[in-house]
N, C-alpha and C. Protein backbone atom coordinates (compact mmCIF):
# COMPACT_ATOMS: atom_id res chain seq x y z
N MET A 1 -5.83 -5.73 9.43
CA MET A 1 -6.55 -4.57 8.97
C MET A 1 -7.35 -4.95 7.73
N ASN A 2 -8.55 -4.44 7.68
CA ASN A 2 -9.41 -4.66 6.52
C ASN A 2 -9.07 -3.64 5.45
N VAL A 3 -8.42 -4.08 4.39
CA VAL A 3 -7.96 -3.16 3.35
C VAL A 3 -9.04 -2.80 2.34
N SER A 4 -10.20 -3.44 2.42
CA SER A 4 -11.25 -3.16 1.44
C SER A 4 -11.70 -1.70 1.51
N ALA A 5 -11.57 -1.07 2.68
CA ALA A 5 -11.93 0.34 2.80
C ALA A 5 -10.98 1.23 2.01
N LEU A 6 -9.79 0.73 1.70
CA LEU A 6 -8.81 1.50 0.94
C LEU A 6 -8.97 1.34 -0.57
N LEU A 7 -9.84 0.42 -1.00
CA LEU A 7 -9.95 0.12 -2.43
C LEU A 7 -10.30 1.34 -3.28
N PRO A 8 -11.31 2.13 -2.93
CA PRO A 8 -11.60 3.29 -3.78
C PRO A 8 -10.42 4.26 -3.89
N ALA A 9 -9.74 4.53 -2.78
CA ALA A 9 -8.58 5.42 -2.82
C ALA A 9 -7.44 4.82 -3.64
N ALA A 10 -7.26 3.51 -3.52
CA ALA A 10 -6.20 2.83 -4.29
C ALA A 10 -6.48 2.91 -5.78
N LYS A 11 -7.74 2.72 -6.16
CA LYS A 11 -8.11 2.80 -7.58
C LYS A 11 -7.90 4.22 -8.10
N PHE A 12 -8.24 5.22 -7.30
CA PHE A 12 -8.03 6.61 -7.70
C PHE A 12 -6.54 6.91 -7.83
N HIS A 13 -5.75 6.47 -6.86
CA HIS A 13 -4.31 6.71 -6.87
C HIS A 13 -3.64 6.06 -8.08
N ALA A 14 -4.08 4.85 -8.42
CA ALA A 14 -3.48 4.12 -9.53
C ALA A 14 -4.17 4.41 -10.87
N ARG A 15 -5.16 5.30 -10.84
CA ARG A 15 -5.93 5.67 -12.05
C ARG A 15 -6.58 4.45 -12.69
N ILE A 16 -7.25 3.67 -11.86
CA ILE A 16 -7.98 2.49 -12.34
C ILE A 16 -9.46 2.85 -12.30
N ASP A 17 -10.13 2.77 -13.45
CA ASP A 17 -11.54 3.15 -13.49
C ASP A 17 -12.46 1.99 -13.89
N PHE A 18 -12.03 0.77 -13.64
CA PHE A 18 -12.83 -0.40 -13.94
C PHE A 18 -12.74 -1.35 -12.76
N ALA A 19 -13.66 -2.32 -12.69
CA ALA A 19 -13.72 -3.23 -11.54
C ALA A 19 -13.13 -4.60 -11.84
N ASP A 20 -12.63 -4.81 -13.03
CA ASP A 20 -12.15 -6.14 -13.42
C ASP A 20 -11.04 -6.67 -12.50
N ASP A 21 -10.19 -5.80 -12.01
CA ASP A 21 -9.03 -6.23 -11.22
C ASP A 21 -9.17 -5.95 -9.73
N ASP A 22 -10.39 -5.69 -9.27
CA ASP A 22 -10.60 -5.36 -7.85
C ASP A 22 -10.08 -6.44 -6.91
N ALA A 23 -10.34 -7.69 -7.22
CA ALA A 23 -9.89 -8.79 -6.34
C ALA A 23 -8.36 -8.83 -6.27
N ASP A 24 -7.71 -8.66 -7.41
CA ASP A 24 -6.24 -8.65 -7.43
C ASP A 24 -5.70 -7.43 -6.68
N LEU A 25 -6.35 -6.29 -6.87
CA LEU A 25 -5.89 -5.07 -6.20
C LEU A 25 -6.05 -5.20 -4.68
N LEU A 26 -7.09 -5.89 -4.23
CA LEU A 26 -7.25 -6.11 -2.79
C LEU A 26 -6.10 -6.95 -2.23
N LEU A 27 -5.68 -7.95 -2.97
CA LEU A 27 -4.52 -8.76 -2.55
C LEU A 27 -3.26 -7.90 -2.50
N MET A 28 -3.10 -7.04 -3.49
CA MET A 28 -1.92 -6.17 -3.52
C MET A 28 -1.97 -5.15 -2.39
N LEU A 29 -3.17 -4.66 -2.05
CA LEU A 29 -3.31 -3.74 -0.91
C LEU A 29 -2.92 -4.43 0.39
N ALA A 30 -3.35 -5.69 0.54
CA ALA A 30 -3.00 -6.44 1.76
C ALA A 30 -1.49 -6.64 1.84
N ALA A 31 -0.88 -7.01 0.72
CA ALA A 31 0.58 -7.19 0.71
C ALA A 31 1.28 -5.86 0.97
N ALA A 32 0.79 -4.78 0.36
CA ALA A 32 1.40 -3.46 0.56
C ALA A 32 1.27 -3.01 2.01
N ALA A 33 0.12 -3.27 2.62
CA ALA A 33 -0.07 -2.89 4.03
C ALA A 33 0.92 -3.63 4.91
N GLY A 34 1.13 -4.91 4.64
CA GLY A 34 2.11 -5.69 5.39
C GLY A 34 3.52 -5.19 5.19
N ASP A 35 3.87 -4.87 3.94
CA ASP A 35 5.20 -4.35 3.64
C ASP A 35 5.46 -3.03 4.37
N VAL A 36 4.50 -2.14 4.29
CA VAL A 36 4.65 -0.81 4.90
C VAL A 36 4.70 -0.92 6.42
N ALA A 37 3.81 -1.71 7.00
CA ALA A 37 3.78 -1.86 8.46
C ALA A 37 5.09 -2.45 8.96
N HIS A 38 5.60 -3.45 8.27
CA HIS A 38 6.85 -4.08 8.68
C HIS A 38 8.01 -3.08 8.60
N ALA A 39 8.09 -2.37 7.47
CA ALA A 39 9.19 -1.43 7.28
C ALA A 39 9.11 -0.26 8.27
N ALA A 40 7.89 0.14 8.61
CA ALA A 40 7.72 1.27 9.53
C ALA A 40 7.74 0.84 10.99
N GLU A 41 7.80 -0.47 11.22
CA GLU A 41 7.73 -1.00 12.59
C GLU A 41 6.47 -0.47 13.27
N TYR A 42 5.34 -0.59 12.55
CA TYR A 42 4.07 -0.01 12.97
C TYR A 42 3.01 -1.11 13.02
N THR A 43 2.22 -1.14 14.06
CA THR A 43 1.13 -2.10 14.17
C THR A 43 -0.11 -1.49 13.51
N LEU A 44 -0.60 -2.15 12.49
CA LEU A 44 -1.75 -1.63 11.77
C LEU A 44 -3.02 -1.70 12.62
N PRO A 45 -3.85 -0.66 12.57
CA PRO A 45 -5.12 -0.70 13.29
C PRO A 45 -6.11 -1.60 12.56
N GLU A 46 -7.14 -2.05 13.25
CA GLU A 46 -8.18 -2.86 12.61
C GLU A 46 -8.92 -2.04 11.54
N ASP A 47 -9.19 -0.79 11.85
CA ASP A 47 -9.95 0.09 10.96
C ASP A 47 -8.97 0.95 10.15
N ALA A 48 -9.08 0.87 8.82
CA ALA A 48 -8.19 1.65 7.96
C ALA A 48 -8.36 3.14 8.18
N GLY A 49 -9.51 3.56 8.67
CA GLY A 49 -9.74 4.97 8.95
C GLY A 49 -8.87 5.50 10.08
N ASP A 50 -8.35 4.60 10.93
CA ASP A 50 -7.48 4.99 12.04
C ASP A 50 -6.01 5.07 11.64
N LEU A 51 -5.72 4.80 10.40
CA LEU A 51 -4.35 4.82 9.89
C LEU A 51 -3.92 6.27 9.66
N PRO A 52 -2.70 6.64 10.05
CA PRO A 52 -2.22 7.99 9.74
C PRO A 52 -2.22 8.21 8.22
N ASP A 53 -2.53 9.42 7.80
CA ASP A 53 -2.64 9.71 6.36
C ASP A 53 -1.38 9.40 5.58
N ASP A 54 -0.21 9.66 6.18
CA ASP A 54 1.02 9.40 5.45
C ASP A 54 1.24 7.90 5.23
N LEU A 55 0.91 7.08 6.21
CA LEU A 55 1.04 5.63 6.03
C LEU A 55 0.00 5.11 5.05
N LYS A 56 -1.16 5.72 5.05
CA LYS A 56 -2.18 5.34 4.06
C LYS A 56 -1.66 5.60 2.66
N LEU A 57 -1.05 6.76 2.46
CA LEU A 57 -0.46 7.07 1.15
C LEU A 57 0.64 6.08 0.80
N ALA A 58 1.47 5.71 1.77
CA ALA A 58 2.54 4.74 1.52
C ALA A 58 1.95 3.40 1.05
N ILE A 59 0.88 2.96 1.68
CA ILE A 59 0.23 1.71 1.28
C ILE A 59 -0.35 1.83 -0.12
N LEU A 60 -1.02 2.95 -0.41
CA LEU A 60 -1.60 3.15 -1.74
C LEU A 60 -0.52 3.17 -2.81
N ASP A 61 0.58 3.85 -2.54
CA ASP A 61 1.66 3.94 -3.53
C ASP A 61 2.34 2.59 -3.74
N GLN A 62 2.52 1.84 -2.66
CA GLN A 62 3.12 0.51 -2.76
C GLN A 62 2.20 -0.41 -3.57
N ALA A 63 0.90 -0.35 -3.31
CA ALA A 63 -0.05 -1.19 -4.05
C ALA A 63 -0.07 -0.80 -5.53
N ALA A 64 0.00 0.50 -5.82
CA ALA A 64 0.03 0.95 -7.22
C ALA A 64 1.28 0.43 -7.92
N MET A 65 2.41 0.43 -7.23
CA MET A 65 3.63 -0.09 -7.82
C MET A 65 3.48 -1.57 -8.13
N LEU A 66 2.91 -2.32 -7.20
CA LEU A 66 2.69 -3.75 -7.43
C LEU A 66 1.72 -3.97 -8.59
N PHE A 67 0.68 -3.16 -8.65
CA PHE A 67 -0.32 -3.28 -9.72
C PHE A 67 0.32 -3.01 -11.08
N ASP A 68 1.14 -1.97 -11.15
CA ASP A 68 1.79 -1.63 -12.42
C ASP A 68 2.75 -2.71 -12.90
N ALA A 69 3.32 -3.47 -11.98
CA ALA A 69 4.32 -4.48 -12.33
C ALA A 69 3.72 -5.87 -12.52
N ARG A 70 2.41 -6.00 -12.46
CA ARG A 70 1.78 -7.33 -12.60
C ARG A 70 1.89 -7.80 -14.04
N GLY A 71 1.77 -9.09 -14.22
CA GLY A 71 1.73 -9.65 -15.56
C GLY A 71 3.07 -9.98 -16.19
N GLY A 72 4.16 -9.59 -15.59
CA GLY A 72 5.47 -9.98 -16.09
C GLY A 72 6.00 -9.17 -17.25
N SER A 73 5.25 -8.14 -17.72
CA SER A 73 5.75 -7.37 -18.85
C SER A 73 6.82 -6.36 -18.42
N THR A 74 6.89 -6.09 -17.12
CA THR A 74 7.93 -5.20 -16.60
C THR A 74 8.70 -5.95 -15.53
N GLU A 75 9.86 -5.41 -15.20
CA GLU A 75 10.68 -6.03 -14.16
C GLU A 75 9.95 -5.93 -12.82
N ARG A 76 9.95 -7.02 -12.06
CA ARG A 76 9.27 -7.03 -10.77
C ARG A 76 10.00 -6.10 -9.80
N PRO A 77 9.24 -5.26 -9.11
CA PRO A 77 9.89 -4.35 -8.14
C PRO A 77 10.39 -5.12 -6.93
N VAL A 78 11.45 -4.62 -6.36
CA VAL A 78 12.00 -5.19 -5.14
C VAL A 78 11.93 -4.10 -4.08
N GLY A 79 11.35 -4.42 -2.94
CA GLY A 79 11.27 -3.45 -1.87
C GLY A 79 10.10 -2.50 -2.01
N LEU A 80 10.19 -1.39 -1.32
CA LEU A 80 9.11 -0.41 -1.29
C LEU A 80 9.25 0.60 -2.42
N SER A 81 8.12 1.20 -2.78
CA SER A 81 8.16 2.29 -3.73
C SER A 81 8.95 3.45 -3.11
N LEU A 82 9.37 4.37 -3.91
CA LEU A 82 10.16 5.49 -3.41
C LEU A 82 9.37 6.30 -2.37
N ALA A 83 8.12 6.60 -2.67
CA ALA A 83 7.30 7.37 -1.71
C ALA A 83 7.11 6.61 -0.41
N ALA A 84 6.81 5.31 -0.51
CA ALA A 84 6.61 4.50 0.69
C ALA A 84 7.89 4.44 1.51
N SER A 85 9.02 4.31 0.85
CA SER A 85 10.31 4.27 1.57
C SER A 85 10.56 5.54 2.36
N ARG A 86 10.29 6.67 1.75
CA ARG A 86 10.51 7.94 2.43
C ARG A 86 9.57 8.10 3.62
N ILE A 87 8.33 7.67 3.45
CA ILE A 87 7.34 7.82 4.53
C ILE A 87 7.68 6.91 5.70
N VAL A 88 7.96 5.64 5.44
CA VAL A 88 8.20 4.71 6.55
C VAL A 88 9.50 5.02 7.28
N ALA A 89 10.42 5.68 6.61
CA ALA A 89 11.69 6.03 7.27
C ALA A 89 11.44 6.94 8.47
N ARG A 90 10.38 7.72 8.43
CA ARG A 90 10.06 8.61 9.54
C ARG A 90 9.57 7.85 10.77
N TYR A 91 9.10 6.62 10.56
CA TYR A 91 8.53 5.83 11.66
C TYR A 91 9.54 4.88 12.30
N ARG A 92 10.59 4.54 11.62
CA ARG A 92 11.54 3.55 12.13
C ARG A 92 12.15 4.03 13.44
N GLY A 93 12.06 3.18 14.43
CA GLY A 93 12.68 3.46 15.70
C GLY A 93 11.95 4.47 16.54
N VAL A 94 10.78 4.91 16.12
CA VAL A 94 10.00 5.88 16.88
C VAL A 94 8.87 5.14 17.59
N ALA A 95 8.80 5.26 18.90
CA ALA A 95 7.71 4.63 19.65
C ALA A 95 6.49 5.53 19.62
N ILE A 96 5.38 4.94 19.24
CA ILE A 96 4.13 5.71 19.17
C ILE A 96 3.17 5.20 20.21
């Protein structure tokens, strides 16, 4: 999935109003999309616009958590953010 389409929403969700960290945030979005898809047992579509809104929010929240923990000044998060965990739990074991 091309996560670059999610960049503006991710910046809004994480309250980022500058472009200095866009490249890093794109990497975090890709990692977050992989984390969420794996936990939800969901195959990501090629187009981010085809993603269900709740999974999109899970990816944005996971990326924001990763962004907030960058740089080593805070403890590195393990696993999914709380919101992402709750959202992906609805998808586990459900065939779509």
